[in-house]
Amino acid sequence: MVDEPDKTLRRRQRLAEIAERGLEDVQKLHDRALATDDPAEFERLTAAFCRAGDAVRGAIEQSMRLERQQRRLERDRRLREALRAEARRKAEAAMRARVAAAGAPWPEDPSRH
């Protein structure tokens, strides 16, 4: 099973490739539009240029959204880990206090010997 960060990275790489190819196409359309003397051809090429430019912007925006989502998920994961560690620390401190209140010694960690 593929984990989500790898999947997101692959999606972002594909979107970057699409954007790069799209930029090349946009540049070619631009060059062709400037080179033509036919007004109808110029209009057709500029309309295609605008549509291709919109598609490139869309790919870039989607890539940026995925990057923000990935950062947010990573931040949330780190926060959950920190909260779990804090909860474990508090639970152990409470247990130590109960054991100490009962007058019993706290068992040593066998891995420390």
PDB file of N, CA and C in Angstrom:
ATOM      1  N   MET A   1       0.837  -1.182   0.000  1.00  0.00           N
ATOM      2  CA  MET A   1       0.000   0.000   0.000  1.00  0.00           C
ATOM      3  C   MET A   1       0.887   1.251   0.000  1.00  0.00           C
ATOM      4  N   VAL A   2       0.551   2.236  -0.810  1.00  0.00           N
ATOM      5  CA  VAL A   2       1.327   3.461  -0.924  1.00  0.00           C
ATOM      6  C   VAL A   2       0.848   4.436   0.141  1.00  0.00           C
ATOM      7  N   ASP A   3       1.813   5.015   0.892  1.00  0.00           N
ATOM      8  CA  ASP A   3       1.384   5.962   1.909  1.00  0.00           C
ATOM      9  C   ASP A   3       1.095   7.323   1.272  1.00  0.00           C
ATOM     10  N   GLU A   4       0.352   8.125   1.972  1.00  0.00           N
ATOM     11  CA  GLU A   4      -0.175   9.385   1.430  1.00  0.00           C
ATOM     12  C   GLU A   4       0.916  10.371   1.013  1.00  0.00           C
ATOM     13  N   PRO A   5       2.013  10.572   1.799  1.00  0.00           N
ATOM     14  CA  PRO A   5       3.035  11.515   1.344  1.00  0.00           C
ATOM     15  C   PRO A   5       3.654  11.115  -0.004  1.00  0.00           C
ATOM     16  N   ASP A   6       3.897   9.809  -0.223  1.00  0.00           N
ATOM     17  CA  ASP A   6       4.462   9.373  -1.504  1.00  0.00           C
ATOM     18  C   ASP A   6       3.485   9.623  -2.641  1.00  0.00           C
ATOM     19  N   LYS A   7       2.224   9.353  -2.386  1.00  0.00           N
ATOM     20  CA  LYS A   7       1.186   9.565  -3.394  1.00  0.00           C
ATOM     21  C   LYS A   7       1.093  11.054  -3.736  1.00  0.00           C
ATOM     22  N   THR A   8       1.123  11.900  -2.720  1.00  0.00           N
ATOM     23  CA  THR A   8       1.048  13.341  -2.929  1.00  0.00           C
ATOM     24  C   THR A   8       2.271  13.836  -3.684  1.00  0.00           C
ATOM     25  N   LEU A   9       3.436  13.320  -3.339  1.00  0.00           N
ATOM     26  CA  LEU A   9       4.657  13.716  -4.037  1.00  0.00           C
ATOM     27  C   LEU A   9       4.577  13.346  -5.512  1.00  0.00           C
ATOM     28  N   ARG A  10       4.103  12.144  -5.803  1.00  0.00           N
ATOM     29  CA  ARG A  10       3.979  11.725  -7.206  1.00  0.00           C
ATOM     30  C   ARG A  10       2.982  12.610  -7.953  1.00  0.00           C
ATOM     31  N   ARG A  11       1.887  12.947  -7.295  1.00  0.00           N
ATOM     32  CA  ARG A  11       0.902  13.844  -7.923  1.00  0.00           C
ATOM     33  C   ARG A  11       1.522  15.199  -8.227  1.00  0.00           C
ATOM     34  N   ARG A  12       2.271  15.730  -7.264  1.00  0.00           N
ATOM     35  CA  ARG A  12       2.912  17.039  -7.462  1.00  0.00           C
ATOM     36  C   ARG A  12       3.942  16.966  -8.589  1.00  0.00           C
ATOM     37  N   GLN A  13       4.679  15.861  -8.687  1.00  0.00           N
ATOM     38  CA  GLN A  13       5.649  15.711  -9.773  1.00  0.00           C
ATOM     39  C   GLN A  13       4.947  15.676 -11.121  1.00  0.00           C
ATOM     40  N   ARG A  14       3.830  14.949 -11.200  1.00  0.00           N
ATOM     41  CA  ARG A  14       3.069  14.894 -12.456  1.00  0.00           C
ATOM     42  C   ARG A  14       2.525  16.266 -12.819  1.00  0.00           C
ATOM     43  N   LEU A  15       2.019  16.990 -11.824  1.00  0.00           N
ATOM     44  CA  LEU A  15       1.513  18.331 -12.090  1.00  0.00           C
ATOM     45  C   LEU A  15       2.627  19.264 -12.552  1.00  0.00           C
ATOM     46  N   ALA A  16       3.812  19.116 -11.991  1.00  0.00           N
ATOM     47  CA  ALA A  16       4.952  19.933 -12.422  1.00  0.00           C
ATOM     48  C   ALA A  16       5.318  19.620 -13.874  1.00  0.00           C
ATOM     49  N   GLU A  17       5.291  18.340 -14.227  1.00  0.00           N
ATOM     50  CA  GLU A  17       5.573  17.959 -15.621  1.00  0.00           C
ATOM     51  C   GLU A  17       4.517  18.536 -16.561  1.00  0.00           C
ATOM     52  N   ILE A  18       3.252  18.455 -16.162  1.00  0.00           N
ATOM     53  CA  ILE A  18       2.170  19.008 -16.976  1.00  0.00           C
ATOM     54  C   ILE A  18       2.359  20.519 -17.141  1.00  0.00           C
ATOM     55  N   ALA A  19       2.682  21.191 -16.065  1.00  0.00           N
ATOM     56  CA  ALA A  19       2.878  22.640 -16.121  1.00  0.00           C
ATOM     57  C   ALA A  19       4.055  22.988 -17.028  1.00  0.00           C
ATOM     58  N   GLU A  20       5.135  22.232 -16.921  1.00  0.00           N
ATOM     59  CA  GLU A  20       6.308  22.516 -17.756  1.00  0.00           C
ATOM     60  C   GLU A  20       5.987  22.316 -19.238  1.00  0.00           C
ATOM     61  N   ARG A  21       5.351  21.206 -19.563  1.00  0.00           N
ATOM     62  CA  ARG A  21       4.960  20.969 -20.962  1.00  0.00           C
ATOM     63  C   ARG A  21       3.983  22.040 -21.431  1.00  0.00           C
ATOM     64  N   GLY A  22       3.054  22.383 -20.541  1.00  0.00           N
ATOM     65  CA  GLY A  22       2.078  23.414 -20.877  1.00  0.00           C
ATOM     66  C   GLY A  22       2.734  24.756 -21.146  1.00  0.00           C
ATOM     67  N   LEU A  23       3.749  25.103 -20.356  1.00  0.00           N
ATOM     68  CA  LEU A  23       4.454  26.363 -20.580  1.00  0.00           C
ATOM     69  C   LEU A  23       5.151  26.365 -21.939  1.00  0.00           C
ATOM     70  N   GLU A  24       5.710  25.214 -22.317  1.00  0.00           N
ATOM     71  CA  GLU A  24       6.335  25.105 -23.639  1.00  0.00           C
ATOM     72  C   GLU A  24       5.293  25.324 -24.727  1.00  0.00           C
ATOM     73  N   ASP A  25       4.120  24.707 -24.557  1.00  0.00           N
ATOM     74  CA  ASP A  25       3.041  24.872 -25.539  1.00  0.00           C
ATOM     75  C   ASP A  25       2.560  26.318 -25.594  1.00  0.00           C
ATOM     76  N   VAL A  26       2.444  26.953 -24.439  1.00  0.00           N
ATOM     77  CA  VAL A  26       2.009  28.346 -24.380  1.00  0.00           C
ATOM     78  C   VAL A  26       3.003  29.225 -25.132  1.00  0.00           C
ATOM     79  N   GLN A  27       4.285  28.974 -24.921  1.00  0.00           N
ATOM     80  CA  GLN A  27       5.313  29.775 -25.608  1.00  0.00           C
ATOM     81  C   GLN A  27       5.228  29.580 -27.125  1.00  0.00           C
ATOM     82  N   LYS A  28       5.015  28.325 -27.557  1.00  0.00           N
ATOM     83  CA  LYS A  28       4.886  28.060 -28.996  1.00  0.00           C
ATOM     84  C   LYS A  28       3.665  28.777 -29.572  1.00  0.00           C
ATOM     85  N   LEU A  29       2.538  28.723 -28.861  1.00  0.00           N
ATOM     86  CA  LEU A  29       1.337  29.417 -29.320  1.00  0.00           C
ATOM     87  C   LEU A  29       1.574  30.921 -29.406  1.00  0.00           C
ATOM     88  N   HIS A  30       2.252  31.445 -28.423  1.00  0.00           N
ATOM     89  CA  HIS A  30       2.577  32.871 -28.406  1.00  0.00           C
ATOM     90  C   HIS A  30       3.418  33.241 -29.620  1.00  0.00           C
ATOM     91  N   ASP A  31       4.463  32.460 -29.853  1.00  0.00           N
ATOM     92  CA  ASP A  31       5.346  32.723 -30.994  1.00  0.00           C
ATOM     93  C   ASP A  31       4.587  32.645 -32.317  1.00  0.00           C
ATOM     94  N   ARG A  32       3.734  31.623 -32.445  1.00  0.00           N
ATOM     95  CA  ARG A  32       2.962  31.468 -33.678  1.00  0.00           C
ATOM     96  C   ARG A  32       1.969  32.614 -33.861  1.00  0.00           C
ATOM     97  N   ALA A  33       1.363  33.040 -32.761  1.00  0.00           N
ATOM     98  CA  ALA A  33       0.405  34.143 -32.855  1.00  0.00           C
ATOM     99  C   ALA A  33       1.098  35.423 -33.308  1.00  0.00           C
ATOM    100  N   LEU A  34       2.291  35.672 -32.787  1.00  0.00           N
ATOM    101  CA  LEU A  34       3.021  36.880 -33.182  1.00  0.00           C
ATOM    102  C   LEU A  34       3.518  36.799 -34.626  1.00  0.00           C
ATOM    103  N   ALA A  35       3.747  35.591 -35.123  1.00  0.00           N
ATOM    104  CA  ALA A  35       4.300  35.415 -36.463  1.00  0.00           C
ATOM    105  C   ALA A  35       3.244  35.442 -37.564  1.00  0.00           C
ATOM    106  N   THR A  36       1.981  35.283 -37.216  1.00  0.00           N
ATOM    107  CA  THR A  36       0.951  35.204 -38.257  1.00  0.00           C
ATOM    108  C   THR A  36       0.488  36.592 -38.698  1.00  0.00           C
ATOM    109  N   ASP A  37       0.101  36.674 -39.958  1.00  0.00           N
ATOM    110  CA  ASP A  37      -0.467  37.905 -40.503  1.00  0.00           C
ATOM    111  C   ASP A  37      -1.979  37.777 -40.688  1.00  0.00           C
ATOM    112  N   ASP A  38      -2.508  36.578 -40.490  1.00  0.00           N
ATOM    113  CA  ASP A  38      -3.931  36.302 -40.685  1.00  0.00           C
ATOM    114  C   ASP A  38      -4.686  36.621 -39.389  1.00  0.00           C
ATOM    115  N   PRO A  39      -5.610  37.598 -39.423  1.00  0.00           N
ATOM    116  CA  PRO A  39      -6.334  37.965 -38.198  1.00  0.00           C
ATOM    117  C   PRO A  39      -7.136  36.809 -37.600  1.00  0.00           C
ATOM    118  N   ALA A  40      -7.737  35.967 -38.431  1.00  0.00           N
ATOM    119  CA  ALA A  40      -8.514  34.833 -37.911  1.00  0.00           C
ATOM    120  C   ALA A  40      -7.584  33.832 -37.217  1.00  0.00           C
ATOM    121  N   GLU A  41      -6.440  33.579 -37.836  1.00  0.00           N
ATOM    122  CA  GLU A  41      -5.452  32.663 -37.228  1.00  0.00           C
ATOM    123  C   GLU A  41      -4.920  33.255 -35.930  1.00  0.00           C
ATOM    124  N   PHE A  42      -4.670  34.560 -35.918  1.00  0.00           N
ATOM    125  CA  PHE A  42      -4.200  35.234 -34.713  1.00  0.00           C
ATOM    126  C   PHE A  42      -5.216  35.078 -33.588  1.00  0.00           C
ATOM    127  N   GLU A  43      -6.498  35.285 -33.915  1.00  0.00           N
ATOM    128  CA  GLU A  43      -7.552  35.151 -32.905  1.00  0.00           C
ATOM    129  C   GLU A  43      -7.630  33.724 -32.375  1.00  0.00           C
ATOM    130  N   ARG A  44      -7.542  32.738 -33.272  1.00  0.00           N
ATOM    131  CA  ARG A  44      -7.588  31.333 -32.872  1.00  0.00           C
ATOM    132  C   ARG A  44      -6.399  30.985 -31.971  1.00  0.00           C
ATOM    133  N   LEU A  45      -5.219  31.464 -32.356  1.00  0.00           N
ATOM    134  CA  LEU A  45      -4.010  31.167 -31.568  1.00  0.00           C
ATOM    135  C   LEU A  45      -4.033  31.868 -30.208  1.00  0.00           C
ATOM    136  N   THR A  46      -4.517  33.089 -30.162  1.00  0.00           N
ATOM    137  CA  THR A  46      -4.560  33.779 -28.864  1.00  0.00           C
ATOM    138  C   THR A  46      -5.596  33.139 -27.938  1.00  0.00           C
ATOM    139  N   ALA A  47      -6.706  32.651 -28.512  1.00  0.00           N
ATOM    140  CA  ALA A  47      -7.692  31.947 -27.679  1.00  0.00           C
ATOM    141  C   ALA A  47      -7.080  30.653 -27.126  1.00  0.00           C
ATOM    142  N   ALA A  48      -6.352  29.936 -27.971  1.00  0.00           N
ATOM    143  CA  ALA A  48      -5.684  28.709 -27.513  1.00  0.00           C
ATOM    144  C   ALA A  48      -4.624  29.042 -26.467  1.00  0.00           C
ATOM    145  N   PHE A  49      -3.911  30.149 -26.680  1.00  0.00           N
ATOM    146  CA  PHE A  49      -2.897  30.607 -25.730  1.00  0.00           C
ATOM    147  C   PHE A  49      -3.532  30.844 -24.358  1.00  0.00           C
ATOM    148  N   CYS A  50      -4.682  31.515 -24.349  1.00  0.00           N
ATOM    149  CA  CYS A  50      -5.368  31.801 -23.075  1.00  0.00           C
ATOM    150  C   CYS A  50      -5.829  30.515 -22.385  1.00  0.00           C
ATOM    151  N   ARG A  51      -6.395  29.598 -23.154  1.00  0.00           N
ATOM    152  CA  ARG A  51      -6.855  28.331 -22.554  1.00  0.00           C
ATOM    153  C   ARG A  51      -5.676  27.537 -22.000  1.00  0.00           C
ATOM    154  N   ALA A  52      -4.590  27.476 -22.770  1.00  0.00           N
ATOM    155  CA  ALA A  52      -3.406  26.735 -22.308  1.00  0.00           C
ATOM    156  C   ALA A  52      -2.814  27.397 -21.066  1.00  0.00           C
ATOM    157  N   GLY A  53      -2.780  28.723 -21.052  1.00  0.00           N
ATOM    158  CA  GLY A  53      -2.278  29.446 -19.882  1.00  0.00           C
ATOM    159  C   GLY A  53      -3.118  29.162 -18.643  1.00  0.00           C
ATOM    160  N   ASP A  54      -4.441  29.114 -18.830  1.00  0.00           N
ATOM    161  CA  ASP A  54      -5.331  28.783 -17.712  1.00  0.00           C
ATOM    162  C   ASP A  54      -5.061  27.371 -17.193  1.00  0.00           C
ATOM    163  N   ALA A  55      -4.822  26.439 -18.107  1.00  0.00           N
ATOM    164  CA  ALA A  55      -4.542  25.055 -17.700  1.00  0.00           C
ATOM    165  C   ALA A  55      -3.232  24.980 -16.922  1.00  0.00           C
ATOM    166  N   VAL A  56      -2.223  25.721 -17.363  1.00  0.00           N
ATOM    167  CA  VAL A  56      -0.936  25.732 -16.654  1.00  0.00           C
ATOM    168  C   VAL A  56      -1.121  26.318 -15.259  1.00  0.00           C
ATOM    169  N   ARG A  57      -1.824  27.436 -15.178  1.00  0.00           N
ATOM    170  CA  ARG A  57      -2.091  28.037 -13.856  1.00  0.00           C
ATOM    171  C   ARG A  57      -2.838  27.062 -12.956  1.00  0.00           C
ATOM    172  N   GLY A  58      -3.794  26.343 -13.524  1.00  0.00           N
ATOM    173  CA  GLY A  58      -4.544  25.361 -12.735  1.00  0.00           C
ATOM    174  C   GLY A  58      -3.653  24.255 -12.203  1.00  0.00           C
ATOM    175  N   ALA A  59      -2.732  23.774 -13.025  1.00  0.00           N
ATOM    176  CA  ALA A  59      -1.809  22.722 -12.575  1.00  0.00           C
ATOM    177  C   ALA A  59      -0.899  23.237 -11.465  1.00  0.00           C
ATOM    178  N   ILE A  60      -0.428  24.458 -11.609  1.00  0.00           N
ATOM    179  CA  ILE A  60       0.440  25.051 -10.577  1.00  0.00           C
ATOM    180  C   ILE A  60      -0.337  25.258  -9.282  1.00  0.00           C
ATOM    181  N   GLU A  61      -1.566  25.760  -9.390  1.00  0.00           N
ATOM    182  CA  GLU A  61      -2.389  25.965  -8.199  1.00  0.00           C
ATOM    183  C   GLU A  61      -2.683  24.644  -7.488  1.00  0.00           C
ATOM    184  N   GLN A  62      -2.988  23.606  -8.250  1.00  0.00           N
ATOM    185  CA  GLN A  62      -3.267  22.296  -7.646  1.00  0.00           C
ATOM    186  C   GLN A  62      -2.020  21.772  -6.937  1.00  0.00           C
ATOM    187  N   SER A  63      -0.865  21.950  -7.556  1.00  0.00           N
ATOM    188  CA  SER A  63       0.384  21.510  -6.931  1.00  0.00           C
ATOM    189  C   SER A  63       0.612  22.254  -5.616  1.00  0.00           C
ATOM    190  N   MET A  64       0.343  23.539  -5.618  1.00  0.00           N
ATOM    191  CA  MET A  64       0.512  24.325  -4.392  1.00  0.00           C
ATOM    192  C   MET A  64      -0.473  23.886  -3.314  1.00  0.00           C
ATOM    193  N   ARG A  65      -1.720  23.589  -3.713  1.00  0.00           N
ATOM    194  CA  ARG A  65      -2.705  23.094  -2.735  1.00  0.00           C
ATOM    195  C   ARG A  65      -2.240  21.777  -2.128  1.00  0.00           C
ATOM    196  N   LEU A  66      -1.718  20.885  -2.964  1.00  0.00           N
ATOM    197  CA  LEU A  66      -1.237  19.595  -2.452  1.00  0.00           C
ATOM    198  C   LEU A  66      -0.059  19.792  -1.498  1.00  0.00           C
ATOM    199  N   GLU A  67       0.821  20.731  -1.826  1.00  0.00           N
ATOM    200  CA  GLU A  67       1.961  21.002  -0.939  1.00  0.00           C
ATOM    201  C   GLU A  67       1.482  21.531   0.412  1.00  0.00           C
ATOM    202  N   ARG A  68       0.528  22.463   0.384  1.00  0.00           N
ATOM    203  CA  ARG A  68      -0.012  22.980   1.652  1.00  0.00           C
ATOM    204  C   ARG A  68      -0.686  21.872   2.449  1.00  0.00           C
ATOM    205  N   GLN A  69      -1.440  21.021   1.758  1.00  0.00           N
ATOM    206  CA  GLN A  69      -2.119  19.913   2.428  1.00  0.00           C
ATOM    207  C   GLN A  69      -1.096  18.970   3.063  1.00  0.00           C
ATOM    208  N   GLN A  70      -0.025  18.684   2.335  1.00  0.00           N
ATOM    209  CA  GLN A  70       1.000  17.783   2.861  1.00  0.00           C
ATOM    210  C   GLN A  70       1.670  18.399   4.092  1.00  0.00           C
ATOM    211  N   ARG A  71       1.976  19.699   4.041  1.00  0.00           N
ATOM    212  CA  ARG A  71       2.579  20.356   5.211  1.00  0.00           C
ATOM    213  C   ARG A  71       1.628  20.336   6.396  1.00  0.00           C
ATOM    214  N   ARG A  72       0.326  20.577   6.131  1.00  0.00           N
ATOM    215  CA  ARG A  72      -0.662  20.572   7.204  1.00  0.00           C
ATOM    216  C   ARG A  72      -0.788  19.183   7.828  1.00  0.00           C
ATOM    217  N   LEU A  73      -0.802  18.144   6.997  1.00  0.00           N
ATOM    218  CA  LEU A  73      -0.881  16.774   7.518  1.00  0.00           C
ATOM    219  C   LEU A  73       0.351  16.423   8.348  1.00  0.00           C
ATOM    220  N   GLU A  74       1.520  16.835   7.884  1.00  0.00           N
ATOM    221  CA  GLU A  74       2.761  16.559   8.630  1.00  0.00           C
ATOM    222  C   GLU A  74       2.756  17.310   9.961  1.00  0.00           C
ATOM    223  N   ARG A  75       2.314  18.562   9.945  1.00  0.00           N
ATOM    224  CA  ARG A  75       2.236  19.342  11.190  1.00  0.00           C
ATOM    225  C   ARG A  75       1.261  18.689  12.168  1.00  0.00           C
ATOM    226  N   ASP A  76       0.111  18.233  11.669  1.00  0.00           N
ATOM    227  CA  ASP A  76      -0.876  17.566  12.520  1.00  0.00           C
ATOM    228  C   ASP A  76      -0.326  16.264  13.094  1.00  0.00           C
ATOM    229  N   ARG A  77       0.425  15.517  12.274  1.00  0.00           N
ATOM    230  CA  ARG A  77       1.026  14.261  12.744  1.00  0.00           C
ATOM    231  C   ARG A  77       2.012  14.538  13.877  1.00  0.00           C
ATOM    232  N   ARG A  78       2.866  15.555  13.695  1.00  0.00           N
ATOM    233  CA  ARG A  78       3.840  15.895  14.744  1.00  0.00           C
ATOM    234  C   ARG A  78       3.134  16.347  16.021  1.00  0.00           C
ATOM    235  N   LEU A  79       2.054  17.106  15.868  1.00  0.00           N
ATOM    236  CA  LEU A  79       1.294  17.566  17.030  1.00  0.00           C
ATOM    237  C   LEU A  79       0.677  16.383  17.766  1.00  0.00           C
ATOM    238  N   ARG A  80       0.092  15.438  17.028  1.00  0.00           N
ATOM    239  CA  ARG A  80      -0.488  14.245  17.678  1.00  0.00           C
ATOM    240  C   ARG A  80       0.582  13.467  18.427  1.00  0.00           C
ATOM    241  N   GLU A  81       1.760  13.305  17.827  1.00  0.00           N
ATOM    242  CA  GLU A  81       2.852  12.592  18.505  1.00  0.00           C
ATOM    243  C   GLU A  81       3.260  13.305  19.779  1.00  0.00           C
ATOM    244  N   ALA A  82       3.351  14.631  19.723  1.00  0.00           N
ATOM    245  CA  ALA A  82       3.736  15.402  20.909  1.00  0.00           C
ATOM    246  C   ALA A  82       2.670  15.281  22.001  1.00  0.00           C
ATOM    247  N   LEU A  83       1.402  15.316  21.611  1.00  0.00           N
ATOM    248  CA  LEU A  83       0.327  15.187  22.599  1.00  0.00           C
ATOM    249  C   LEU A  83       0.327  13.797  23.237  1.00  0.00           C
ATOM    250  N   ARG A  84       0.577  12.768  22.421  1.00  0.00           N
ATOM    251  CA  ARG A  84       0.650  11.409  22.978  1.00  0.00           C
ATOM    252  C   ARG A  84       1.815  11.279  23.955  1.00  0.00           C
ATOM    253  N   ALA A  85       2.969  11.837  23.601  1.00  0.00           N
ATOM    254  CA  ALA A  85       4.139  11.773  24.480  1.00  0.00           C
ATOM    255  C   ALA A  85       3.857  12.503  25.790  1.00  0.00           C
ATOM    256  N   GLU A  86       3.194  13.654  25.692  1.00  0.00           N
ATOM    257  CA  GLU A  86       2.856  14.411  26.897  1.00  0.00           C
ATOM    258  C   GLU A  86       1.857  13.635  27.757  1.00  0.00           C
ATOM    259  N   ALA A  87       0.886  12.997  27.131  1.00  0.00           N
ATOM    260  CA  ALA A  87      -0.090  12.199  27.875  1.00  0.00           C
ATOM    261  C   ALA A  87       0.593  11.028  28.576  1.00  0.00           C
ATOM    262  N   ARG A  88       1.535  10.370  27.887  1.00  0.00           N
ATOM    263  CA  ARG A  88       2.277   9.257  28.522  1.00  0.00           C
ATOM    264  C   ARG A  88       3.101   9.763  29.697  1.00  0.00           C
ATOM    265  N   ARG A  89       3.750  10.923  29.518  1.00  0.00           N
ATOM    266  CA  ARG A  89       4.564  11.487  30.598  1.00  0.00           C
ATOM    267  C   ARG A  89       3.693  11.822  31.810  1.00  0.00           C
ATOM    268  N   LYS A  90       2.528  12.423  31.572  1.00  0.00           N
ATOM    269  CA  LYS A  90       1.630  12.767  32.672  1.00  0.00           C
ATOM    270  C   LYS A  90       1.075  11.520  33.356  1.00  0.00           C
ATOM    271  N   ALA A  91       0.741  10.499  32.561  1.00  0.00           N
ATOM    272  CA  ALA A  91       0.217   9.255  33.132  1.00  0.00           C
ATOM    273  C   ALA A  91       1.281   8.593  34.005  1.00  0.00           C
ATOM    274  N   GLU A  92       2.529   8.585  33.541  1.00  0.00           N
ATOM    275  CA  GLU A  92       3.604   7.980  34.340  1.00  0.00           C
ATOM    276  C   GLU A  92       3.841   8.791  35.617  1.00  0.00           C
ATOM    277  N   ALA A  93       3.802  10.117  35.516  1.00  0.00           N
ATOM    278  CA  ALA A  93       3.990  10.965  36.700  1.00  0.00           C
ATOM    279  C   ALA A  93       2.869  10.719  37.714  1.00  0.00           C
ATOM    280  N   ALA A  94       1.640  10.583  37.224  1.00  0.00           N
ATOM    281  CA  ALA A  94       0.516  10.314  38.126  1.00  0.00           C
ATOM    282  C   ALA A  94       0.674   8.950  38.783  1.00  0.00           C
ATOM    283  N   MET A  95       1.110   7.954  38.007  1.00  0.00           N
ATOM    284  CA  MET A  95       1.326   6.614  38.563  1.00  0.00           C
ATOM    285  C   MET A  95       2.436   6.640  39.600  1.00  0.00           C
ATOM    286  N   ARG A  96       3.505   7.357  39.322  1.00  0.00           N
ATOM    287  CA  ARG A  96       4.601   7.468  40.297  1.00  0.00           C
ATOM    288  C   ARG A  96       4.095   8.107  41.588  1.00  0.00           C
ATOM    289  N   ALA A  97       3.262   9.124  41.448  1.00  0.00           N
ATOM    290  CA  ALA A  97       2.736   9.805  42.636  1.00  0.00           C
ATOM    291  C   ALA A  97       1.844   8.860  43.443  1.00  0.00           C
ATOM    292  N   ARG A  98       1.019   8.051  42.751  1.00  0.00           N
ATOM    293  CA  ARG A  98       0.156   7.103  43.471  1.00  0.00           C
ATOM    294  C   ARG A  98       1.005   6.040  44.175  1.00  0.00           C
ATOM    295  N   VAL A  99       2.030   5.549  43.493  1.00  0.00           N
ATOM    296  CA  VAL A  99       2.901   4.525  44.090  1.00  0.00           C
ATOM    297  C   VAL A  99       3.626   5.114  45.293  1.00  0.00           C
ATOM    298  N   ALA A 100       4.127   6.356  45.131  1.00  0.00           N
ATOM    299  CA  ALA A 100       4.831   7.000  46.243  1.00  0.00           C
ATOM    300  C   ALA A 100       3.878   7.249  47.416  1.00  0.00           C
ATOM    301  N   ALA A 101       2.639   7.645  47.124  1.00  0.00           N
ATOM    302  CA  ALA A 101       1.656   7.893  48.191  1.00  0.00           C
ATOM    303  C   ALA A 101       1.325   6.607  48.925  1.00  0.00           C
ATOM    304  N   ALA A 102       1.403   5.487  48.228  1.00  0.00           N
ATOM    305  CA  ALA A 102       1.109   4.205  48.862  1.00  0.00           C
ATOM    306  C   ALA A 102       2.332   3.680  49.615  1.00  0.00           C
ATOM    307  N   GLY A 103       3.465   4.377  49.482  1.00  0.00           N
ATOM    308  CA  GLY A 103       4.677   3.963  50.192  1.00  0.00           C
ATOM    309  C   GLY A 103       5.411   2.830  49.520  1.00  0.00           C
ATOM    310  N   ALA A 104       5.081   2.516  48.320  1.00  0.00           N
ATOM    311  CA  ALA A 104       5.755   1.427  47.607  1.00  0.00           C
ATOM    312  C   ALA A 104       6.878   2.011  46.747  1.00  0.00           C
ATOM    313  N   PRO A 105       7.944   1.249  46.560  1.00  0.00           N
ATOM    314  CA  PRO A 105       9.025   1.752  45.699  1.00  0.00           C
ATOM    315  C   PRO A 105       8.617   1.649  44.218  1.00  0.00           C
ATOM    316  N   TRP A 106       9.108   2.578  43.438  1.00  0.00           N
ATOM    317  CA  TRP A 106       8.848   2.563  41.993  1.00  0.00           C
ATOM    318  C   TRP A 106       9.779   1.537  41.357  1.00  0.00           C
ATOM    319  N   PRO A 107       9.248   0.602  40.590  1.00  0.00           N
ATOM    320  CA  PRO A 107      10.117  -0.420  39.993  1.00  0.00           C
ATOM    321  C   PRO A 107      11.073   0.212  38.988  1.00  0.00           C
ATOM    322  N   GLU A 108      12.307  -0.246  39.050  1.00  0.00           N
ATOM    323  CA  GLU A 108      13.313   0.253  38.118  1.00  0.00           C
ATOM    324  C   GLU A 108      13.109  -0.360  36.750  1.00  0.00           C
ATOM    325  N   ASP A 109      13.509   0.383  35.741  1.00  0.00           N
ATOM    326  CA  ASP A 109      13.423  -0.104  34.366  1.00  0.00           C
ATOM    327  C   ASP A 109      14.538  -1.134  34.162  1.00  0.00           C
ATOM    328  N   PRO A 110      14.193  -2.401  33.822  1.00  0.00           N
ATOM    329  CA  PRO A 110      15.222  -3.432  33.672  1.00  0.00           C
ATOM    330  C   PRO A 110      16.203  -3.129  32.540  1.00  0.00           C
ATOM    331  N   SER A 111      15.821  -2.297  31.593  1.00  0.00           N
ATOM    332  CA  SER A 111      16.732  -2.002  30.479  1.00  0.00           C
ATOM    333  C   SER A 111      17.840  -1.058  30.906  1.00  0.00           C
ATOM    334  N   ARG A 112      17.763  -0.450  32.078  1.00  0.00           N
ATOM    335  CA  ARG A 112      18.787   0.481  32.550  1.00  0.00           C
ATOM    336  C   ARG A 112      19.945  -0.221  33.244  1.00  0.00           C
ATOM    337  N   HIS A 113      19.810  -1.502  33.519  1.00  0.00           N
ATOM    338  CA  HIS A 113      20.883  -2.242  34.227  1.00  0.00           C
ATOM    339  C   HIS A 113      21.888  -2.775  33.294  1.00  0.00           C
TER     340      HIS A 113
END
